[in-house]
PDB file of all heavy atoms in Angstrom:
ATOM      1  N   ILE A   1       0.827  -1.196  -0.043  1.00  0.00           N
ATOM      2  CA  ILE A   1       0.023  -0.056  -0.065  1.00  0.00           C
ATOM      3  C   ILE A   1       0.846   1.237  -0.004  1.00  0.00           C
ATOM      4  O   ILE A   1       0.634   2.179  -0.712  1.00  0.00           O
ATOM      5  CB  ILE A   1      -0.993   0.032   1.244  1.00  0.00           C
ATOM      6  CG1 ILE A   1      -1.998  -1.102   1.106  1.00  0.00           C
ATOM      7  CG2 ILE A   1      -1.669   1.329   1.320  1.00  0.00           C
ATOM      8  CD1 ILE A   1      -3.376  -0.753   0.549  1.00  0.00           C
ATOM      9  N   ILE A   2       1.938   1.246   0.846  1.00  0.00           N
ATOM     10  CA  ILE A   2       2.824   2.486   0.889  1.00  0.00           C
ATOM     11  C   ILE A   2       3.555   2.596  -0.501  1.00  0.00           C
ATOM     12  O   ILE A   2       3.627   3.626  -1.029  1.00  0.00           O
ATOM     13  CB  ILE A   2       3.797   2.373   2.068  1.00  0.00           C
ATOM     14  CG1 ILE A   2       3.040   2.435   3.346  1.00  0.00           C
ATOM     15  CG2 ILE A   2       4.948   3.345   1.877  1.00  0.00           C
ATOM     16  CD1 ILE A   2       3.865   2.095   4.615  1.00  0.00           C
ATOM     17  N   LEU A   3       4.003   1.522  -1.084  1.00  0.00           N
ATOM     18  CA  LEU A   3       4.565   1.576  -2.283  1.00  0.00           C
ATOM     19  C   LEU A   3       3.675   2.036  -3.372  1.00  0.00           C
ATOM     20  O   LEU A   3       3.935   2.921  -4.235  1.00  0.00           O
ATOM     21  CB  LEU A   3       5.107   0.299  -2.803  1.00  0.00           C
ATOM     22  CG  LEU A   3       5.821   0.086  -4.133  1.00  0.00           C
ATOM     23  CD1 LEU A   3       7.101   0.917  -4.179  1.00  0.00           C
ATOM     24  CD2 LEU A   3       6.195  -1.364  -4.367  1.00  0.00           C
ATOM     25  N   ASN A   4       2.335   1.561  -3.416  1.00  0.00           N
ATOM     26  CA  ASN A   4       1.394   2.147  -4.264  1.00  0.00           C
ATOM     27  C   ASN A   4       1.191   3.606  -4.141  1.00  0.00           C
ATOM     28  O   ASN A   4       1.007   4.383  -5.056  1.00  0.00           O
ATOM     29  CB  ASN A   4       0.090   1.370  -4.186  1.00  0.00           C
ATOM     30  CG  ASN A   4      -0.815   1.498  -5.328  1.00  0.00           C
ATOM     31  OD1 ASN A   4      -0.445   1.806  -6.331  1.00  0.00           O
ATOM     32  ND2 ASN A   4      -2.056   1.054  -5.198  1.00  0.00           N
ATOM     33  N   LEU A   5       1.114   4.148  -2.857  1.00  0.00           N
ATOM     34  CA  LEU A   5       0.953   5.531  -2.684  1.00  0.00           C
ATOM     35  C   LEU A   5       1.985   6.307  -3.150  1.00  0.00           C
ATOM     36  O   LEU A   5       1.834   7.394  -3.869  1.00  0.00           O
ATOM     37  CB  LEU A   5       0.709   5.741  -1.205  1.00  0.00           C
ATOM     38  CG  LEU A   5      -0.570   5.232  -0.574  1.00  0.00           C
ATOM     39  CD1 LEU A   5      -0.502   5.503   0.959  1.00  0.00           C
ATOM     40  CD2 LEU A   5      -1.781   5.970  -1.141  1.00  0.00           C
ATOM     41  N   PHE A   6       3.233   5.825  -3.099  1.00  0.00           N
ATOM     42  CA  PHE A   6       4.395   6.485  -3.706  1.00  0.00           C
ATOM     43  C   PHE A   6       4.323   6.494  -5.240  1.00  0.00           C
ATOM     44  O   PHE A   6       4.650   7.541  -5.811  1.00  0.00           O
ATOM     45  CB  PHE A   6       5.728   5.990  -3.179  1.00  0.00           C
ATOM     46  CG  PHE A   6       6.098   6.471  -1.841  1.00  0.00           C
ATOM     47  CD1 PHE A   6       6.403   5.509  -0.777  1.00  0.00           C
ATOM     48  CD2 PHE A   6       6.210   7.765  -1.555  1.00  0.00           C
ATOM     49  CE1 PHE A   6       6.772   5.950   0.370  1.00  0.00           C
ATOM     50  CE2 PHE A   6       6.663   8.241  -0.388  1.00  0.00           C
ATOM     51  CZ  PHE A   6       6.889   7.260   0.618  1.00  0.00           C
ATOM     52  N   LEU A   7       3.868   5.410  -5.807  1.00  0.00           N
ATOM     53  CA  LEU A   7       3.769   5.338  -7.190  1.00  0.00           C
ATOM     54  C   LEU A   7       2.641   6.188  -7.760  1.00  0.00           C
ATOM     55  O   LEU A   7       2.721   6.521  -8.953  1.00  0.00           O
ATOM     56  CB  LEU A   7       3.565   3.853  -7.606  1.00  0.00           C
ATOM     57  CG  LEU A   7       4.734   3.012  -7.508  1.00  0.00           C
ATOM     58  CD1 LEU A   7       4.411   1.493  -7.873  1.00  0.00           C
ATOM     59  CD2 LEU A   7       5.880   3.418  -8.534  1.00  0.00           C
ATOM     60  N   PHE A   8       1.753   6.552  -6.958  1.00  0.00           N
ATOM     61  CA  PHE A   8       0.657   7.547  -7.434  1.00  0.00           C
ATOM     62  C   PHE A   8       1.198   8.976  -7.644  1.00  0.00           C
ATOM     63  O   PHE A   8       0.487   9.800  -8.012  1.00  0.00           O
ATOM     64  CB  PHE A   8      -0.509   7.552  -6.426  1.00  0.00           C
ATOM     65  CG  PHE A   8      -1.572   6.674  -7.016  1.00  0.00           C
ATOM     66  CD1 PHE A   8      -1.826   5.478  -6.291  1.00  0.00           C
ATOM     67  CD2 PHE A   8      -2.337   6.945  -8.059  1.00  0.00           C
ATOM     68  CE1 PHE A   8      -2.945   4.602  -6.788  1.00  0.00           C
ATOM     69  CE2 PHE A   8      -3.228   6.170  -8.569  1.00  0.00           C
ATOM     70  CZ  PHE A   8      -3.630   4.985  -7.896  1.00  0.00           C
ATOM     71  N   LEU A   9       2.534   9.277  -7.319  1.00  0.00           N
ATOM     72  CA  LEU A   9       3.044  10.414  -7.689  1.00  0.00           C
ATOM     73  C   LEU A   9       3.027  10.707  -9.188  1.00  0.00           C
ATOM     74  O   LEU A   9       2.951  11.778  -9.732  1.00  0.00           O
ATOM     75  CB  LEU A   9       4.467  10.647  -7.163  1.00  0.00           C
ATOM     76  CG  LEU A   9       4.576  10.749  -5.653  1.00  0.00           C
ATOM     77  CD1 LEU A   9       5.994  10.646  -5.289  1.00  0.00           C
ATOM     78  CD2 LEU A   9       3.895  11.996  -5.128  1.00  0.00           C
ATOM     79  N   ILE A  10       3.179   9.599  -9.858  1.00  0.00           N
ATOM     80  CA  ILE A  10       2.921   9.560 -11.350  1.00  0.00           C
ATOM     81  C   ILE A  10       1.691   8.637 -11.532  1.00  0.00           C
ATOM     82  O   ILE A  10       1.784   7.400 -11.309  1.00  0.00           O
ATOM     83  CB  ILE A  10       4.157   8.957 -12.039  1.00  0.00           C
ATOM     84  CG1 ILE A  10       5.375   9.745 -11.849  1.00  0.00           C
ATOM     85  CG2 ILE A  10       3.857   8.737 -13.554  1.00  0.00           C
ATOM     86  CD1 ILE A  10       6.672   9.149 -12.370  1.00  0.00           C
ATOM     87  N   PRO A  11       0.523   9.230 -11.761  1.00  0.00           N
ATOM     88  CA  PRO A  11      -0.664   8.425 -11.653  1.00  0.00           C
ATOM     89  C   PRO A  11      -0.817   7.186 -12.448  1.00  0.00           C
ATOM     90  O   PRO A  11      -1.366   6.123 -12.138  1.00  0.00           O
ATOM     91  CB  PRO A  11      -1.831   9.440 -12.218  1.00  0.00           C
ATOM     92  CG  PRO A  11      -1.209  10.846 -11.894  1.00  0.00           C
ATOM     93  CD  PRO A  11       0.276  10.635 -11.964  1.00  0.00           C
ATOM     94  N   PHE A  12      -0.203   7.181 -13.695  1.00  0.00           N
ATOM     95  CA  PHE A  12      -0.089   5.974 -14.476  1.00  0.00           C
ATOM     96  C   PHE A  12       0.504   4.808 -13.844  1.00  0.00           C
ATOM     97  O   PHE A  12      -0.076   3.689 -13.777  1.00  0.00           O
ATOM     98  CB  PHE A  12       0.726   6.211 -15.842  1.00  0.00           C
ATOM     99  CG  PHE A  12       0.714   5.002 -16.696  1.00  0.00           C
ATOM    100  CD1 PHE A  12      -0.333   4.650 -17.385  1.00  0.00           C
ATOM    101  CD2 PHE A  12       1.907   4.316 -16.896  1.00  0.00           C
ATOM    102  CE1 PHE A  12      -0.295   3.421 -18.237  1.00  0.00           C
ATOM    103  CE2 PHE A  12       1.951   3.301 -17.599  1.00  0.00           C
ATOM    104  CZ  PHE A  12       0.940   2.831 -18.314  1.00  0.00           C
ATOM    105  N   PHE A  13       1.585   5.011 -13.133  1.00  0.00           N
ATOM    106  CA  PHE A  13       2.242   3.979 -12.448  1.00  0.00           C
ATOM    107  C   PHE A  13       1.427   3.467 -11.141  1.00  0.00           C
ATOM    108  O   PHE A  13       1.468   2.301 -10.841  1.00  0.00           O
ATOM    109  CB  PHE A  13       3.648   4.360 -11.957  1.00  0.00           C
ATOM    110  CG  PHE A  13       4.633   4.551 -13.065  1.00  0.00           C
ATOM    111  CD1 PHE A  13       5.483   5.708 -13.125  1.00  0.00           C
ATOM    112  CD2 PHE A  13       4.680   3.747 -14.167  1.00  0.00           C
ATOM    113  CE1 PHE A  13       6.325   5.896 -14.220  1.00  0.00           C
ATOM    114  CE2 PHE A  13       5.570   3.866 -15.251  1.00  0.00           C
ATOM    115  CZ  PHE A  13       6.381   5.024 -15.199  1.00  0.00           C
ATOM    116  N   GLY A  14       0.761   4.469 -10.567  1.00  0.00           N
ATOM    117  CA  GLY A  14       0.006   4.056  -9.427  1.00  0.00           C
ATOM    118  C   GLY A  14      -1.172   3.171  -9.783  1.00  0.00           C
ATOM    119  O   GLY A  14      -1.500   2.224  -9.193  1.00  0.00           O
ATOM    120  N   LEU A  15      -1.810   3.605 -10.937  1.00  0.00           N
ATOM    121  CA  LEU A  15      -3.046   2.816 -11.476  1.00  0.00           C
ATOM    122  C   LEU A  15      -2.503   1.416 -11.930  1.00  0.00           C
ATOM    123  O   LEU A  15      -3.200   0.424 -11.728  1.00  0.00           O
ATOM    124  CB  LEU A  15      -3.715   3.546 -12.578  1.00  0.00           C
ATOM    125  CG  LEU A  15      -4.496   4.673 -12.249  1.00  0.00           C
ATOM    126  CD1 LEU A  15      -5.043   5.431 -13.441  1.00  0.00           C
ATOM    127  CD2 LEU A  15      -5.675   4.346 -11.438  1.00  0.00           C
ATOM    128  N   LEU A  16      -1.371   1.320 -12.607  1.00  0.00           N
ATOM    129  CA  LEU A  16      -0.716   0.142 -13.019  1.00  0.00           C
ATOM    130  C   LEU A  16      -0.401  -0.750 -11.772  1.00  0.00           C
ATOM    131  O   LEU A  16      -0.704  -2.057 -11.919  1.00  0.00           O
ATOM    132  CB  LEU A  16       0.450   0.322 -13.794  1.00  0.00           C
ATOM    133  CG  LEU A  16       0.735  -0.560 -15.017  1.00  0.00           C
ATOM    134  CD1 LEU A  16      -0.426  -0.710 -15.860  1.00  0.00           C
ATOM    135  CD2 LEU A  16       1.993  -0.101 -15.681  1.00  0.00           C
ATOM    136  N   PHE A  17       0.091  -0.261 -10.816  1.00  0.00           N
ATOM    137  CA  PHE A  17       0.430  -1.115  -9.650  1.00  0.00           C
ATOM    138  C   PHE A  17      -0.725  -1.590  -8.879  1.00  0.00           C
ATOM    139  O   PHE A  17      -0.614  -2.437  -8.045  1.00  0.00           O
ATOM    140  CB  PHE A  17       1.429  -0.289  -8.699  1.00  0.00           C
ATOM    141  CG  PHE A  17       2.031  -1.151  -7.645  1.00  0.00           C
ATOM    142  CD1 PHE A  17       3.140  -2.115  -8.042  1.00  0.00           C
ATOM    143  CD2 PHE A  17       1.713  -1.145  -6.342  1.00  0.00           C
ATOM    144  CE1 PHE A  17       3.694  -2.897  -7.103  1.00  0.00           C
ATOM    145  CE2 PHE A  17       2.278  -1.940  -5.449  1.00  0.00           C
ATOM    146  CZ  PHE A  17       3.296  -2.809  -5.836  1.00  0.00           C
ATOM    147  N   MET A  18      -1.932  -0.978  -9.062  1.00  0.00           N
ATOM    148  CA  MET A  18      -3.095  -1.501  -8.421  1.00  0.00           C
ATOM    149  C   MET A  18      -3.458  -2.799  -8.791  1.00  0.00           C
ATOM    150  O   MET A  18      -4.159  -3.619  -8.078  1.00  0.00           O
ATOM    151  CB  MET A  18      -4.310  -0.498  -8.669  1.00  0.00           C
ATOM    152  CG  MET A  18      -4.230   0.750  -7.830  1.00  0.00           C
ATOM    153  SD  MET A  18      -5.594   1.814  -8.154  1.00  0.00           S
ATOM    154  CE  MET A  18      -6.909   0.987  -7.359  1.00  0.00           C
ATOM    155  N   ILE A  19      -2.970  -3.292  -9.984  1.00  0.00           N
ATOM    156  CA  ILE A  19      -3.354  -4.700 -10.457  1.00  0.00           C
ATOM    157  C   ILE A  19      -2.595  -5.717  -9.614  1.00  0.00           C
ATOM    158  O   ILE A  19      -3.235  -6.671  -9.005  1.00  0.00           O
ATOM    159  CB  ILE A  19      -3.079  -4.805 -11.933  1.00  0.00           C
ATOM    160  CG1 ILE A  19      -3.842  -3.853 -12.820  1.00  0.00           C
ATOM    161  CG2 ILE A  19      -3.067  -6.183 -12.443  1.00  0.00           C
ATOM    162  CD1 ILE A  19      -3.483  -3.704 -14.195  1.00  0.00           C
ATOM    163  N   PRO A  20      -1.256  -5.661  -9.466  1.00  0.00           N
ATOM    164  CA  PRO A  20      -0.690  -6.637  -8.548  1.00  0.00           C
ATOM    165  C   PRO A  20      -0.937  -6.490  -7.130  1.00  0.00           C
ATOM    166  O   PRO A  20      -1.105  -7.500  -6.494  1.00  0.00           O
ATOM    167  CB  PRO A  20       0.936  -6.504  -8.826  1.00  0.00           C
ATOM    168  CG  PRO A  20       1.068  -5.182  -9.458  1.00  0.00           C
ATOM    169  CD  PRO A  20      -0.257  -4.836 -10.207  1.00  0.00           C
ATOM    170  N   LEU A  21      -1.299  -5.213  -6.695  1.00  0.00           N
ATOM    171  CA  LEU A  21      -1.763  -5.035  -5.328  1.00  0.00           C
ATOM    172  C   LEU A  21      -3.035  -5.814  -5.029  1.00  0.00           C
ATOM    173  O   LEU A  21      -3.235  -6.509  -4.008  1.00  0.00           O
ATOM    174  CB  LEU A  21      -1.894  -3.552  -4.991  1.00  0.00           C
ATOM    175  CG  LEU A  21      -2.494  -3.310  -3.608  1.00  0.00           C
ATOM    176  CD1 LEU A  21      -1.608  -3.692  -2.481  1.00  0.00           C
ATOM    177  CD2 LEU A  21      -2.862  -1.780  -3.547  1.00  0.00           C
ATOM    178  N   GLY A  22      -3.954  -5.672  -6.011  1.00  0.00           N
ATOM    179  CA  GLY A  22      -5.292  -6.346  -5.951  1.00  0.00           C
ATOM    180  C   GLY A  22      -5.127  -7.864  -6.024  1.00  0.00           C
ATOM    181  O   GLY A  22      -5.818  -8.577  -5.233  1.00  0.00           O
ATOM    182  N   ALA A  23      -4.197  -8.255  -6.840  1.00  0.00           N
ATOM    183  CA  ALA A  23      -4.002  -9.768  -6.896  1.00  0.00           C
ATOM    184  C   ALA A  23      -3.482 -10.271  -5.684  1.00  0.00           C
ATOM    185  O   ALA A  23      -4.004 -11.325  -5.144  1.00  0.00           O
ATOM    186  CB  ALA A  23      -3.139 -10.048  -8.055  1.00  0.00           C
ATOM    187  N   VAL A  24      -2.547  -9.599  -4.920  1.00  0.00           N
ATOM    188  CA  VAL A  24      -1.944 -10.086  -3.702  1.00  0.00           C
ATOM    189  C   VAL A  24      -3.066 -10.016  -2.706  1.00  0.00           C
ATOM    190  O   VAL A  24      -3.159 -10.920  -1.843  1.00  0.00           O
ATOM    191  CB  VAL A  24      -0.621  -9.260  -3.324  1.00  0.00           C
ATOM    192  CG1 VAL A  24      -0.333  -9.424  -1.905  1.00  0.00           C
ATOM    193  CG2 VAL A  24       0.446  -9.509  -4.339  1.00  0.00           C
ATOM    194  N   GLN A  25      -3.812  -8.989  -2.672  1.00  0.00           N
ATOM    195  CA  GLN A  25      -4.882  -8.923  -1.635  1.00  0.00           C
ATOM    196  C   GLN A  25      -5.999 -10.012  -1.820  1.00  0.00           C
ATOM    197  O   GLN A  25      -6.465 -10.546  -0.746  1.00  0.00           O
ATOM    198  CB  GLN A  25      -5.411  -7.572  -1.655  1.00  0.00           C
ATOM    199  CG  GLN A  25      -4.576  -6.457  -1.035  1.00  0.00           C
ATOM    200  CD  GLN A  25      -5.192  -5.200  -0.837  1.00  0.00           C
ATOM    201  OE1 GLN A  25      -6.132  -4.750  -1.580  1.00  0.00           O
ATOM    202  NE2 GLN A  25      -4.618  -4.276   0.055  1.00  0.00           N
ATOM    203  N   VAL A  26      -6.252 -10.320  -3.013  1.00  0.00           N
ATOM    204  CA  VAL A  26      -7.311 -11.398  -3.217  1.00  0.00           C
ATOM    205  C   VAL A  26      -6.632 -12.776  -2.777  1.00  0.00           C
ATOM    206  O   VAL A  26      -7.285 -13.564  -2.104  1.00  0.00           O
ATOM    207  CB  VAL A  26      -7.713 -11.428  -4.682  1.00  0.00           C
ATOM    208  CG1 VAL A  26      -8.457 -12.700  -5.033  1.00  0.00           C
ATOM    209  CG2 VAL A  26      -8.660 -10.237  -4.947  1.00  0.00           C
ATOM    210  N   VAL A  27      -5.412 -12.974  -3.161  1.00  0.00           N
ATOM    211  CA  VAL A  27      -4.862 -14.205  -2.624  1.00  0.00           C
ATOM    212  C   VAL A  27      -4.713 -14.305  -1.127  1.00  0.00           C
ATOM    213  O   VAL A  27      -4.989 -15.376  -0.526  1.00  0.00           O
ATOM    214  CB  VAL A  27      -3.369 -14.412  -3.252  1.00  0.00           C
ATOM    215  CG1 VAL A  27      -2.591 -15.505  -2.631  1.00  0.00           C
ATOM    216  CG2 VAL A  27      -3.460 -14.618  -4.793  1.00  0.00           C
ATOM    217  N   CYS A  28      -4.373 -13.129  -0.451  1.00  0.00           N
ATOM    218  CA  CYS A  28      -4.378 -13.068   1.011  1.00  0.00           C
ATOM    219  C   CYS A  28      -5.720 -13.299   1.593  1.00  0.00           C
ATOM    220  O   CYS A  28      -5.867 -13.958   2.601  1.00  0.00           O
ATOM    221  CB  CYS A  28      -3.749 -11.794   1.483  1.00  0.00           C
ATOM    222  SG  CYS A  28      -2.040 -11.667   1.158  1.00  0.00           S
ATOM    223  N   SER A  29      -6.752 -12.774   0.945  1.00  0.00           N
ATOM    224  CA  SER A  29      -8.065 -12.912   1.414  1.00  0.00           C
ATOM    225  C   SER A  29      -8.625 -14.387   1.332  1.00  0.00           C
ATOM    226  O   SER A  29      -9.291 -14.845   2.207  1.00  0.00           O
ATOM    227  CB  SER A  29      -8.994 -12.024   0.539  1.00  0.00           C
ATOM    228  OG  SER A  29     -10.347 -11.935   1.113  1.00  0.00           O
ATOM    229  N   LEU A  30      -8.264 -14.972   0.259  1.00  0.00           N
ATOM    230  CA  LEU A  30      -8.595 -16.400  -0.004  1.00  0.00           C
ATOM    231  C   LEU A  30      -7.864 -17.247   1.101  1.00  0.00           C
ATOM    232  O   LEU A  30      -8.281 -18.279   1.631  1.00  0.00           O
ATOM    233  CB  LEU A  30      -8.253 -16.907  -1.309  1.00  0.00           C
ATOM    234  CG  LEU A  30      -9.183 -16.417  -2.522  1.00  0.00           C
ATOM    235  CD1 LEU A  30      -8.704 -16.774  -3.851  1.00  0.00           C
ATOM    236  CD2 LEU A  30     -10.598 -16.832  -2.282  1.00  0.00           C
ATOM    237  N   TRP A  31      -6.503 -16.924   1.356  1.00  0.00           N
ATOM    238  CA  TRP A  31      -5.814 -17.613   2.391  1.00  0.00           C
ATOM    239  C   TRP A  31      -6.480 -17.470   3.777  1.00  0.00           C
ATOM    240  O   TRP A  31      -6.614 -18.300   4.466  1.00  0.00           O
ATOM    241  CB  TRP A  31      -4.253 -17.125   2.490  1.00  0.00           C
ATOM    242  CG  TRP A  31      -3.604 -17.791   3.625  1.00  0.00           C
ATOM    243  CD1 TRP A  31      -3.012 -19.025   3.504  1.00  0.00           C
ATOM    244  CD2 TRP A  31      -3.375 -17.256   4.912  1.00  0.00           C
ATOM    245  NE1 TRP A  31      -2.526 -19.291   4.782  1.00  0.00           N
ATOM    246  CE2 TRP A  31      -2.680 -18.209   5.525  1.00  0.00           C
ATOM    247  CE3 TRP A  31      -3.668 -16.033   5.428  1.00  0.00           C
ATOM    248  CZ2 TRP A  31      -2.195 -17.910   6.878  1.00  0.00           C
ATOM    249  CZ3 TRP A  31      -3.338 -15.736   6.720  1.00  0.00           C
ATOM    250  CH2 TRP A  31      -2.570 -16.767   7.499  1.00  0.00           C
ATOM    251  N   LEU A  32      -6.916 -16.167   3.981  1.00  0.00           N
ATOM    252  CA  LEU A  32      -7.568 -15.964   5.313  1.00  0.00           C
ATOM    253  C   LEU A  32      -8.970 -16.724   5.376  1.00  0.00           C
ATOM    254  O   LEU A  32      -9.222 -17.159   6.390  1.00  0.00           O
ATOM    255  CB  LEU A  32      -7.878 -14.348   5.356  1.00  0.00           C
ATOM    256  CG  LEU A  32      -8.313 -13.824   6.655  1.00  0.00           C
ATOM    257  CD1 LEU A  32      -7.322 -14.183   7.781  1.00  0.00           C
ATOM    258  CD2 LEU A  32      -8.573 -12.368   6.531  1.00  0.00           C
ATOM    259  N   LEU A  33      -9.505 -16.972   4.223  1.00  0.00           N
ATOM    260  CA  LEU A  33     -10.815 -17.653   4.245  1.00  0.00           C
ATOM    261  C   LEU A  33     -10.456 -19.124   4.553  1.00  0.00           C
ATOM    262  O   LEU A  33     -11.292 -19.807   5.227  1.00  0.00           O
ATOM    263  CB  LEU A  33     -11.398 -17.602   2.838  1.00  0.00           C
ATOM    264  CG  LEU A  33     -12.823 -18.111   2.625  1.00  0.00           C
ATOM    265  CD1 LEU A  33     -13.689 -17.118   3.505  1.00  0.00           C
ATOM    266  CD2 LEU A  33     -13.229 -17.984   1.225  1.00  0.00           C
ATOM    267  N   SER A  34      -9.277 -19.572   4.132  1.00  0.00           N
ATOM    268  CA  SER A  34      -8.865 -20.992   4.584  1.00  0.00           C
ATOM    269  C   SER A  34      -8.540 -21.156   6.008  1.00  0.00           C
ATOM    270  O   SER A  34      -8.614 -22.178   6.584  1.00  0.00           O
ATOM    271  CB  SER A  34      -7.658 -21.402   3.662  1.00  0.00           C
ATOM    272  OG  SER A  34      -6.496 -20.815   4.070  1.00  0.00           O
ATOM    273  N   GLN A  35      -8.285 -19.992   6.704  1.00  0.00           N
ATOM    274  CA  GLN A  35      -7.958 -19.963   8.097  1.00  0.00           C
ATOM    275  C   GLN A  35      -9.250 -19.653   8.912  1.00  0.00           C
ATOM    276  O   GLN A  35      -9.243 -18.996   9.971  1.00  0.00           O
ATOM    277  CB  GLN A  35      -6.960 -18.880   8.440  1.00  0.00           C
ATOM    278  CG  GLN A  35      -5.568 -19.116   7.706  1.00  0.00           C
ATOM    279  CD  GLN A  35      -4.962 -20.366   8.056  1.00  0.00           C
ATOM    280  OE1 GLN A  35      -4.828 -20.689   9.258  1.00  0.00           O
ATOM    281  NE2 GLN A  35      -4.417 -21.148   7.122  1.00  0.00           N
ATOM    282  N   TYR A  36     -10.345 -20.141   8.500  1.00  0.00           N
ATOM    283  CA  TYR A  36     -11.723 -19.692   8.928  1.00  0.00           C
ATOM    284  C   TYR A  36     -11.867 -19.986  10.341  1.00  0.00           C
ATOM    285  O   TYR A  36     -12.337 -19.104  11.154  1.00  0.00           O
ATOM    286  CB  TYR A  36     -12.825 -20.433   8.088  1.00  0.00           C
ATOM    287  CG  TYR A  36     -14.192 -19.856   8.206  1.00  0.00           C
ATOM    288  CD1 TYR A  36     -14.532 -18.804   7.479  1.00  0.00           C
ATOM    289  CD2 TYR A  36     -15.143 -20.537   8.986  1.00  0.00           C
ATOM    290  CE1 TYR A  36     -15.738 -18.283   7.526  1.00  0.00           C
ATOM    291  CE2 TYR A  36     -16.389 -19.931   9.076  1.00  0.00           C
ATOM    292  CZ  TYR A  36     -16.680 -18.922   8.406  1.00  0.00           C
ATOM    293  OH  TYR A  36     -17.961 -18.367   8.413  1.00  0.00           O
ATOM    294  N   LYS A  37     -11.472 -21.072  10.915  1.00  0.00           N
ATOM    295  CA  LYS A  37     -11.681 -21.487  12.348  1.00  0.00           C
ATOM    296  C   LYS A  37     -10.800 -20.673  13.240  1.00  0.00           C
ATOM    297  O   LYS A  37     -11.103 -20.508  14.367  1.00  0.00           O
ATOM    298  CB  LYS A  37     -11.489 -22.944  12.477  1.00  0.00           C
ATOM    299  CG  LYS A  37     -12.521 -23.822  11.835  1.00  0.00           C
ATOM    300  CD  LYS A  37     -12.570 -25.204  12.177  1.00  0.00           C
ATOM    301  CE  LYS A  37     -13.483 -25.968  11.243  1.00  0.00           C
ATOM    302  NZ  LYS A  37     -14.663 -26.375  11.868  1.00  0.00           N
ATOM    303  N   ARG A  38      -9.654 -20.159  12.677  1.00  0.00           N
ATOM    304  CA  ARG A  38      -8.700 -19.468  13.540  1.00  0.00           C
ATOM    305  C   ARG A  38      -9.093 -17.989  13.653  1.00  0.00           C
ATOM    306  O   ARG A  38      -8.406 -17.277  14.513  1.00  0.00           O
ATOM    307  CB  ARG A  38      -7.282 -19.593  12.964  1.00  0.00           C
ATOM    308  CG  ARG A  38      -6.769 -20.910  13.064  1.00  0.00           C
ATOM    309  CD  ARG A  38      -5.335 -21.023  12.541  1.00  0.00           C
ATOM    310  NE  ARG A  38      -4.486 -20.082  13.216  1.00  0.00           N
ATOM    311  CZ  ARG A  38      -3.383 -19.692  12.690  1.00  0.00           C
ATOM    312  NH1 ARG A  38      -2.978 -20.156  11.497  1.00  0.00           N
ATOM    313  NH2 ARG A  38      -2.581 -18.820  13.293  1.00  0.00           N
ATOM    314  N   THR A  39      -9.983 -17.450  12.910  1.00  0.00           N
ATOM    315  CA  THR A  39     -10.342 -15.987  12.950  1.00  0.00           C
ATOM    316  C   THR A  39     -11.687 -15.822  13.630  1.00  0.00           C
ATOM    317  O   THR A  39     -12.508 -16.752  13.778  1.00  0.00           O
ATOM    318  CB  THR A  39     -10.333 -15.456  11.536  1.00  0.00           C
ATOM    319  OG1 THR A  39     -11.367 -16.232  10.727  1.00  0.00           O
ATOM    320  CG2 THR A  39      -9.027 -15.495  10.755  1.00  0.00           C
ATOM    321  N   SER A  40     -11.922 -14.583  14.112  1.00  0.00           N
ATOM    322  CA  SER A  40     -13.124 -14.303  14.771  1.00  0.00           C
ATOM    323  C   SER A  40     -14.211 -14.102  13.845  1.00  0.00           C
ATOM    324  O   SER A  40     -13.997 -14.021  12.493  1.00  0.00           O
ATOM    325  CB  SER A  40     -12.955 -12.960  15.602  1.00  0.00           C
ATOM    326  OG  SER A  40     -12.632 -11.859  14.747  1.00  0.00           O
ATOM    327  N   SER A  41     -15.436 -14.022  14.305  1.00  0.00           N
ATOM    328  CA  SER A  41     -16.678 -13.954  13.462  1.00  0.00           C
ATOM    329  C   SER A  41     -16.645 -12.568  12.774  1.00  0.00           C
ATOM    330  O   SER A  41     -17.074 -12.498  11.599  1.00  0.00           O
ATOM    331  CB  SER A  41     -17.899 -14.158  14.225  1.00  0.00           C
ATOM    332  OG  SER A  41     -17.958 -13.249  15.305  1.00  0.00           O
ATOM    333  N   SER A  42     -16.117 -11.546  13.464  1.00  0.00           N
ATOM    334  CA  SER A  42     -16.156 -10.183  12.717  1.00  0.00           C
ATOM    335  C   SER A  42     -15.126 -10.195  11.507  1.00  0.00           C
ATOM    336  O   SER A  42     -15.429  -9.661  10.494  1.00  0.00           O
ATOM    337  CB  SER A  42     -15.774  -9.098  13.716  1.00  0.00           C
ATOM    338  OG  SER A  42     -14.493  -9.219  14.081  1.00  0.00           O
ATOM    339  N   ILE A  43     -14.020 -10.813  11.719  1.00  0.00           N
ATOM    340  CA  ILE A  43     -13.028 -10.824  10.591  1.00  0.00           C
ATOM    341  C   ILE A  43     -13.519 -11.706   9.491  1.00  0.00           C
ATOM    342  O   ILE A  43     -13.480 -11.503   8.312  1.00  0.00           O
ATOM    343  CB  ILE A  43     -11.599 -11.295  11.160  1.00  0.00           C
ATOM    344  CG1 ILE A  43     -11.020 -10.204  11.942  1.00  0.00           C
ATOM    345  CG2 ILE A  43     -10.750 -11.665   9.949  1.00  0.00           C
ATOM    346  CD1 ILE A  43      -9.626 -10.472  12.522  1.00  0.00           C
TER     347      ILE A  43
END
């Protein structure tokens, strides 16, 4: 996220970096879904 914010100094690079950021976050979200029993109900 911090890297993406710095890349938004040049908007094209910031928008372009949103793609791998989103992919990493979706993978992390799916991993978090696999840890279903270890997380609280709010999470």
